[in-house]
Structures are given as C-alpha cells and as structure tokens.
C-alpha cells in the first residue's frame, strides 16, 4: 500500500490516472499529448504507477496500451475511509456547510 500512496502523492501521476479514467487503453504517445512533460518523464511516471498496480498494460501488436486499475484505490477507500460511517460523514459535512453559511436550501 506504500507504493500506492507514493504514486498518488504526485500530481502528474494523478493526472495520468485521470487521463486513463477519461479514456482507458491509451498508448504512451497518447498520454504524452495530454501532458506538458517529456516522453521519458511520462514513461517513468507510468512505471511507478505500474509498480503500484494502479496501471495495467496490454501489448496489442507493437503498441503498449495502458489501463487504469481502480482496485488499489478501492482498497484504500475501504481501509481508510470506509471504516467511518457514511451517515456520520454526511452529517459532519452538512454541519460544516451550515456553520460556514454555505447552505443554499
């Protein structure tokens, strides 16, 4: 799980995950189009995401396609967020909105 947290700590890697969430199965070249960094940097970020099991790859002929694997994020949610009851979190969020004057009801 440490690798997952390390991978998610970087904004570029989160952006790569967002790109894959929007359109799964992209090549390195396609992912590079959405970022303002070098191809080598994107490749290094993808390698770390793969090591954390957040990205899975499939070779299709000569192309390596990258796919988002949401399972590790779900496991984090279950372990770190899921143990708190949703109703309590919703009540706290509603209270926060009321106290800050953001209630538009």
N, C-alpha and C. Protein backbone atom coordinates (compact mmCIF):
# COMPACT_ATOMS: atom_id res chain seq x y z
N UNK A 1 0.83 -1.19 0.00
CA UNK A 1 0.00 0.00 0.00
C UNK A 1 0.87 1.26 0.00
N UNK A 2 2.10 1.16 0.50
CA UNK A 2 3.01 2.31 0.48
C UNK A 2 3.27 2.80 -0.93
N UNK A 3 3.42 1.86 -1.88
CA UNK A 3 3.66 2.24 -3.27
C UNK A 3 2.46 3.00 -3.85
N UNK A 4 1.27 2.61 -3.44
CA UNK A 4 0.07 3.29 -3.93
C UNK A 4 0.04 4.73 -3.42
N UNK A 5 0.30 4.91 -2.12
CA UNK A 5 0.31 6.27 -1.57
C UNK A 5 1.41 7.11 -2.21
N UNK A 6 2.57 6.50 -2.44
CA UNK A 6 3.67 7.22 -3.08
C UNK A 6 3.27 7.64 -4.50
N UNK A 7 2.63 6.72 -5.22
CA UNK A 7 2.21 7.02 -6.59
C UNK A 7 1.16 8.13 -6.62
N UNK A 8 0.23 8.10 -5.68
CA UNK A 8 -0.84 9.10 -5.65
C UNK A 8 -0.38 10.45 -5.13
N UNK A 9 0.80 10.50 -4.52
CA UNK A 9 1.29 11.75 -3.93
C UNK A 9 1.73 12.76 -5.00
N UNK A 10 1.95 12.31 -6.22
CA UNK A 10 2.45 13.18 -7.27
C UNK A 10 1.31 13.63 -8.19
N UNK A 11 1.23 14.93 -8.43
CA UNK A 11 0.13 15.47 -9.24
C UNK A 11 0.17 14.99 -10.69
N UNK A 12 1.36 14.78 -11.24
CA UNK A 12 1.45 14.29 -12.62
C UNK A 12 0.91 12.88 -12.72
N UNK A 13 1.22 12.06 -11.75
CA UNK A 13 0.70 10.68 -11.77
C UNK A 13 -0.81 10.68 -11.58
N UNK A 14 -1.32 11.56 -10.73
CA UNK A 14 -2.79 11.66 -10.59
C UNK A 14 -3.41 12.12 -11.90
N UNK A 15 -2.73 13.02 -12.60
CA UNK A 15 -3.24 13.48 -13.90
C UNK A 15 -3.25 12.33 -14.91
N UNK A 16 -2.23 11.50 -14.90
CA UNK A 16 -2.21 10.33 -15.78
C UNK A 16 -3.38 9.40 -15.48
N UNK A 17 -3.65 9.19 -14.19
CA UNK A 17 -4.79 8.35 -13.81
C UNK A 17 -6.10 8.98 -14.28
N UNK A 18 -6.20 10.30 -14.18
CA UNK A 18 -7.40 11.00 -14.68
C UNK A 18 -7.56 10.81 -16.18
N UNK A 19 -6.44 10.90 -16.91
CA UNK A 19 -6.49 10.70 -18.36
C UNK A 19 -6.95 9.30 -18.71
N UNK A 20 -6.48 8.31 -17.96
CA UNK A 20 -6.89 6.93 -18.21
C UNK A 20 -8.33 6.70 -17.77
N UNK A 21 -8.76 7.39 -16.73
CA UNK A 21 -10.15 7.28 -16.31
C UNK A 21 -11.08 7.83 -17.39
N UNK A 22 -10.67 8.92 -18.01
CA UNK A 22 -11.47 9.53 -19.07
C UNK A 22 -11.51 8.66 -20.32
N UNK A 23 -10.38 8.02 -20.64
CA UNK A 23 -10.31 7.14 -21.82
C UNK A 23 -9.26 6.07 -21.57
N UNK A 24 -9.72 4.90 -21.22
CA UNK A 24 -8.83 3.79 -20.89
C UNK A 24 -8.18 3.22 -22.15
N UNK A 25 -7.03 2.59 -22.00
CA UNK A 25 -6.38 1.91 -23.12
C UNK A 25 -5.58 2.82 -24.02
N UNK A 26 -4.86 3.78 -23.44
CA UNK A 26 -4.07 4.72 -24.24
C UNK A 26 -2.61 4.27 -24.34
N UNK A 27 -1.99 4.67 -25.43
CA UNK A 27 -0.57 4.42 -25.62
C UNK A 27 0.24 5.51 -24.90
N UNK A 28 1.54 5.30 -24.81
CA UNK A 28 2.42 6.30 -24.22
C UNK A 28 2.31 7.62 -24.99
N UNK A 29 2.30 7.55 -26.30
CA UNK A 29 2.20 8.75 -27.13
C UNK A 29 0.92 9.52 -26.87
N UNK A 30 -0.19 8.81 -26.75
CA UNK A 30 -1.47 9.47 -26.49
C UNK A 30 -1.47 10.14 -25.12
N UNK A 31 -0.89 9.47 -24.14
CA UNK A 31 -0.82 10.06 -22.80
C UNK A 31 0.09 11.28 -22.77
N UNK A 32 1.15 11.25 -23.56
CA UNK A 32 2.07 12.40 -23.63
C UNK A 32 1.38 13.64 -24.18
N UNK A 33 0.42 13.45 -25.08
CA UNK A 33 -0.30 14.59 -25.67
C UNK A 33 -1.03 15.40 -24.61
N UNK A 34 -1.45 14.75 -23.54
CA UNK A 34 -2.21 15.44 -22.50
C UNK A 34 -1.36 16.08 -21.42
N UNK A 35 -0.03 15.95 -21.54
CA UNK A 35 0.86 16.47 -20.51
C UNK A 35 1.96 17.33 -21.12
N UNK A 36 2.43 18.28 -20.35
CA UNK A 36 3.49 19.20 -20.83
C UNK A 36 4.85 18.79 -20.28
N UNK A 37 5.14 17.48 -20.31
CA UNK A 37 6.44 16.98 -19.87
C UNK A 37 6.98 16.02 -20.92
N UNK A 38 8.24 15.67 -20.79
CA UNK A 38 8.88 14.82 -21.80
C UNK A 38 8.31 13.40 -21.79
N UNK A 39 8.50 12.74 -22.91
CA UNK A 39 8.07 11.35 -23.07
C UNK A 39 8.75 10.46 -22.03
N UNK A 40 10.04 10.71 -21.77
CA UNK A 40 10.78 9.92 -20.78
C UNK A 40 10.19 10.10 -19.38
N UNK A 41 9.81 11.34 -19.05
CA UNK A 41 9.21 11.60 -17.74
C UNK A 41 7.87 10.88 -17.60
N UNK A 42 7.06 10.92 -18.64
CA UNK A 42 5.77 10.21 -18.61
C UNK A 42 6.01 8.72 -18.45
N UNK A 43 6.99 8.19 -19.15
CA UNK A 43 7.32 6.77 -19.06
C UNK A 43 7.73 6.38 -17.63
N UNK A 44 8.52 7.24 -16.99
CA UNK A 44 8.93 6.96 -15.60
C UNK A 44 7.73 7.00 -14.65
N UNK A 45 6.85 7.96 -14.85
CA UNK A 45 5.65 8.05 -14.02
C UNK A 45 4.77 6.81 -14.22
N UNK A 46 4.63 6.38 -15.46
CA UNK A 46 3.83 5.18 -15.74
C UNK A 46 4.44 3.93 -15.10
N UNK A 47 5.77 3.85 -15.10
CA UNK A 47 6.44 2.71 -14.47
C UNK A 47 6.14 2.66 -12.98
N UNK A 48 6.12 3.81 -12.33
CA UNK A 48 5.80 3.84 -10.91
C UNK A 48 4.33 3.47 -10.67
N UNK A 49 3.45 3.94 -11.55
CA UNK A 49 2.04 3.57 -11.44
C UNK A 49 1.84 2.07 -11.66
N UNK A 50 2.60 1.50 -12.58
CA UNK A 50 2.54 0.05 -12.80
C UNK A 50 3.03 -0.71 -11.58
N UNK A 51 4.14 -0.25 -10.99
CA UNK A 51 4.70 -0.90 -9.80
C UNK A 51 3.71 -0.86 -8.64
N UNK A 52 2.91 0.19 -8.57
CA UNK A 52 1.89 0.32 -7.52
C UNK A 52 0.60 -0.41 -7.89
N UNK A 53 0.57 -1.03 -9.05
CA UNK A 53 -0.58 -1.77 -9.56
C UNK A 53 -1.78 -0.86 -9.84
N UNK A 54 -1.52 0.41 -10.07
CA UNK A 54 -2.59 1.35 -10.42
C UNK A 54 -2.84 1.40 -11.92
N UNK A 55 -1.86 0.93 -12.68
CA UNK A 55 -1.97 0.87 -14.14
C UNK A 55 -1.57 -0.53 -14.60
N UNK A 56 -2.37 -1.10 -15.47
CA UNK A 56 -2.06 -2.39 -16.09
C UNK A 56 -1.81 -2.14 -17.57
N UNK A 57 -0.93 -2.93 -18.15
CA UNK A 57 -0.61 -2.75 -19.57
C UNK A 57 -0.90 -4.03 -20.35
N UNK A 58 -1.25 -3.81 -21.60
CA UNK A 58 -1.53 -4.91 -22.52
C UNK A 58 -0.86 -4.57 -23.84
N UNK A 59 -0.09 -5.51 -24.35
CA UNK A 59 0.51 -5.30 -25.67
C UNK A 59 -0.49 -5.68 -26.74
N UNK A 60 -0.69 -4.77 -27.69
CA UNK A 60 -1.57 -5.02 -28.84
C UNK A 60 -0.72 -4.78 -30.07
N UNK A 61 -0.16 -5.86 -30.59
CA UNK A 61 0.80 -5.73 -31.69
C UNK A 61 2.05 -5.04 -31.17
N UNK A 62 2.41 -3.92 -31.78
CA UNK A 62 3.59 -3.16 -31.36
C UNK A 62 3.26 -2.07 -30.35
N UNK A 63 1.97 -1.92 -30.03
CA UNK A 63 1.56 -0.86 -29.11
C UNK A 63 1.32 -1.41 -27.70
N UNK A 64 1.76 -0.64 -26.74
CA UNK A 64 1.54 -0.98 -25.33
C UNK A 64 0.42 -0.07 -24.82
N UNK A 65 -0.71 -0.67 -24.50
CA UNK A 65 -1.87 0.09 -24.04
C UNK A 65 -1.90 0.11 -22.51
N UNK A 66 -2.24 1.25 -21.95
CA UNK A 66 -2.27 1.45 -20.50
C UNK A 66 -3.71 1.55 -20.03
N UNK A 67 -4.01 0.82 -18.97
CA UNK A 67 -5.36 0.78 -18.41
C UNK A 67 -5.32 1.10 -16.92
N UNK A 68 -6.31 1.86 -16.48
CA UNK A 68 -6.46 2.17 -15.07
C UNK A 68 -6.91 0.93 -14.32
N UNK A 69 -6.26 0.65 -13.19
CA UNK A 69 -6.69 -0.41 -12.30
C UNK A 69 -7.19 0.25 -11.02
N UNK A 70 -8.50 0.34 -10.82
CA UNK A 70 -9.04 1.05 -9.66
C UNK A 70 -9.01 0.25 -8.36
N UNK A 71 -8.61 -1.01 -8.40
CA UNK A 71 -8.67 -1.86 -7.21
C UNK A 71 -7.84 -1.30 -6.04
N UNK A 72 -6.57 -0.89 -6.23
CA UNK A 72 -5.82 -0.37 -5.09
C UNK A 72 -6.46 0.88 -4.47
N UNK A 73 -7.08 1.73 -5.29
CA UNK A 73 -7.74 2.92 -4.76
C UNK A 73 -8.97 2.51 -3.96
N UNK A 74 -9.68 1.51 -4.44
CA UNK A 74 -10.84 0.99 -3.71
C UNK A 74 -10.40 0.41 -2.36
N UNK A 75 -9.27 -0.30 -2.36
CA UNK A 75 -8.77 -0.87 -1.11
C UNK A 75 -8.43 0.22 -0.10
N UNK A 76 -7.85 1.32 -0.57
CA UNK A 76 -7.57 2.46 0.31
C UNK A 76 -8.88 3.02 0.85
N UNK A 77 -9.85 3.15 -0.01
CA UNK A 77 -11.14 3.67 0.40
C UNK A 77 -11.76 2.79 1.48
N UNK A 78 -11.72 1.50 1.28
CA UNK A 78 -12.30 0.58 2.25
C UNK A 78 -11.55 0.61 3.58
N UNK A 79 -10.24 0.67 3.52
CA UNK A 79 -9.44 0.63 4.75
C UNK A 79 -9.44 1.96 5.49
N UNK A 80 -9.27 3.06 4.77
CA UNK A 80 -9.07 4.34 5.43
C UNK A 80 -10.32 5.22 5.48
N UNK A 81 -11.24 5.04 4.55
CA UNK A 81 -12.42 5.89 4.53
C UNK A 81 -13.67 5.09 4.88
N UNK A 82 -13.76 3.89 4.38
CA UNK A 82 -14.95 3.06 4.58
C UNK A 82 -15.24 2.71 6.02
N UNK A 83 -14.22 2.74 6.87
CA UNK A 83 -14.47 2.38 8.27
C UNK A 83 -15.25 3.46 9.01
N UNK A 84 -15.31 4.65 8.45
CA UNK A 84 -16.14 5.70 9.02
C UNK A 84 -17.51 5.60 8.37
N UNK A 85 -18.52 5.66 9.17
CA UNK A 85 -19.87 5.52 8.62
C UNK A 85 -20.23 6.72 7.75
N UNK A 86 -20.79 6.44 6.60
CA UNK A 86 -21.17 7.47 5.64
C UNK A 86 -22.13 8.47 6.26
N UNK A 87 -23.08 8.00 7.06
CA UNK A 87 -24.05 8.92 7.65
C UNK A 87 -23.38 9.94 8.56
N UNK A 88 -22.37 9.51 9.31
CA UNK A 88 -21.66 10.45 10.17
C UNK A 88 -20.89 11.48 9.34
N UNK A 89 -20.26 11.03 8.28
CA UNK A 89 -19.52 11.95 7.42
C UNK A 89 -20.45 12.94 6.73
N UNK A 90 -21.60 12.45 6.28
CA UNK A 90 -22.57 13.34 5.64
C UNK A 90 -23.09 14.38 6.63
N UNK A 91 -23.36 13.95 7.88
CA UNK A 91 -23.84 14.88 8.90
C UNK A 91 -22.79 15.94 9.21
N UNK A 92 -21.54 15.53 9.30
CA UNK A 92 -20.47 16.49 9.56
C UNK A 92 -20.31 17.47 8.40
N UNK A 93 -20.40 16.99 7.18
CA UNK A 93 -20.29 17.86 6.02
C UNK A 93 -21.44 18.86 6.00
N UNK A 94 -22.65 18.40 6.32
CA UNK A 94 -23.81 19.30 6.35
C UNK A 94 -23.64 20.35 7.45
N UNK A 95 -23.16 19.93 8.62
CA UNK A 95 -22.92 20.86 9.71
C UNK A 95 -21.87 21.90 9.32
N UNK A 96 -20.82 21.46 8.68
CA UNK A 96 -19.77 22.38 8.23
C UNK A 96 -20.35 23.43 7.28
N UNK A 97 -21.17 22.99 6.34
CA UNK A 97 -21.80 23.92 5.39
C UNK A 97 -22.67 24.94 6.11
N UNK A 98 -23.45 24.49 7.08
CA UNK A 98 -24.33 25.40 7.83
C UNK A 98 -23.52 26.40 8.61
N UNK A 99 -22.46 25.94 9.29
CA UNK A 99 -21.63 26.82 10.10
C UNK A 99 -20.89 27.85 9.25
N UNK A 100 -20.52 27.46 8.05
CA UNK A 100 -19.80 28.38 7.16
C UNK A 100 -20.75 29.20 6.30
N UNK A 101 -22.06 29.01 6.50
CA UNK A 101 -23.04 29.79 5.75
C UNK A 101 -23.16 29.41 4.30
N UNK A 102 -22.84 28.17 3.97
CA UNK A 102 -22.88 27.71 2.58
C UNK A 102 -24.14 26.94 2.27
N UNK A 103 -25.10 26.89 3.21
CA UNK A 103 -26.32 26.13 3.00
C UNK A 103 -27.24 26.92 2.07
N UNK A 104 -27.54 26.37 0.91
CA UNK A 104 -28.35 27.05 -0.09
C UNK A 104 -29.75 26.49 -0.18
N UNK A 105 -30.18 25.76 0.83
CA UNK A 105 -31.53 25.13 0.80
C UNK A 105 -32.60 26.14 1.07
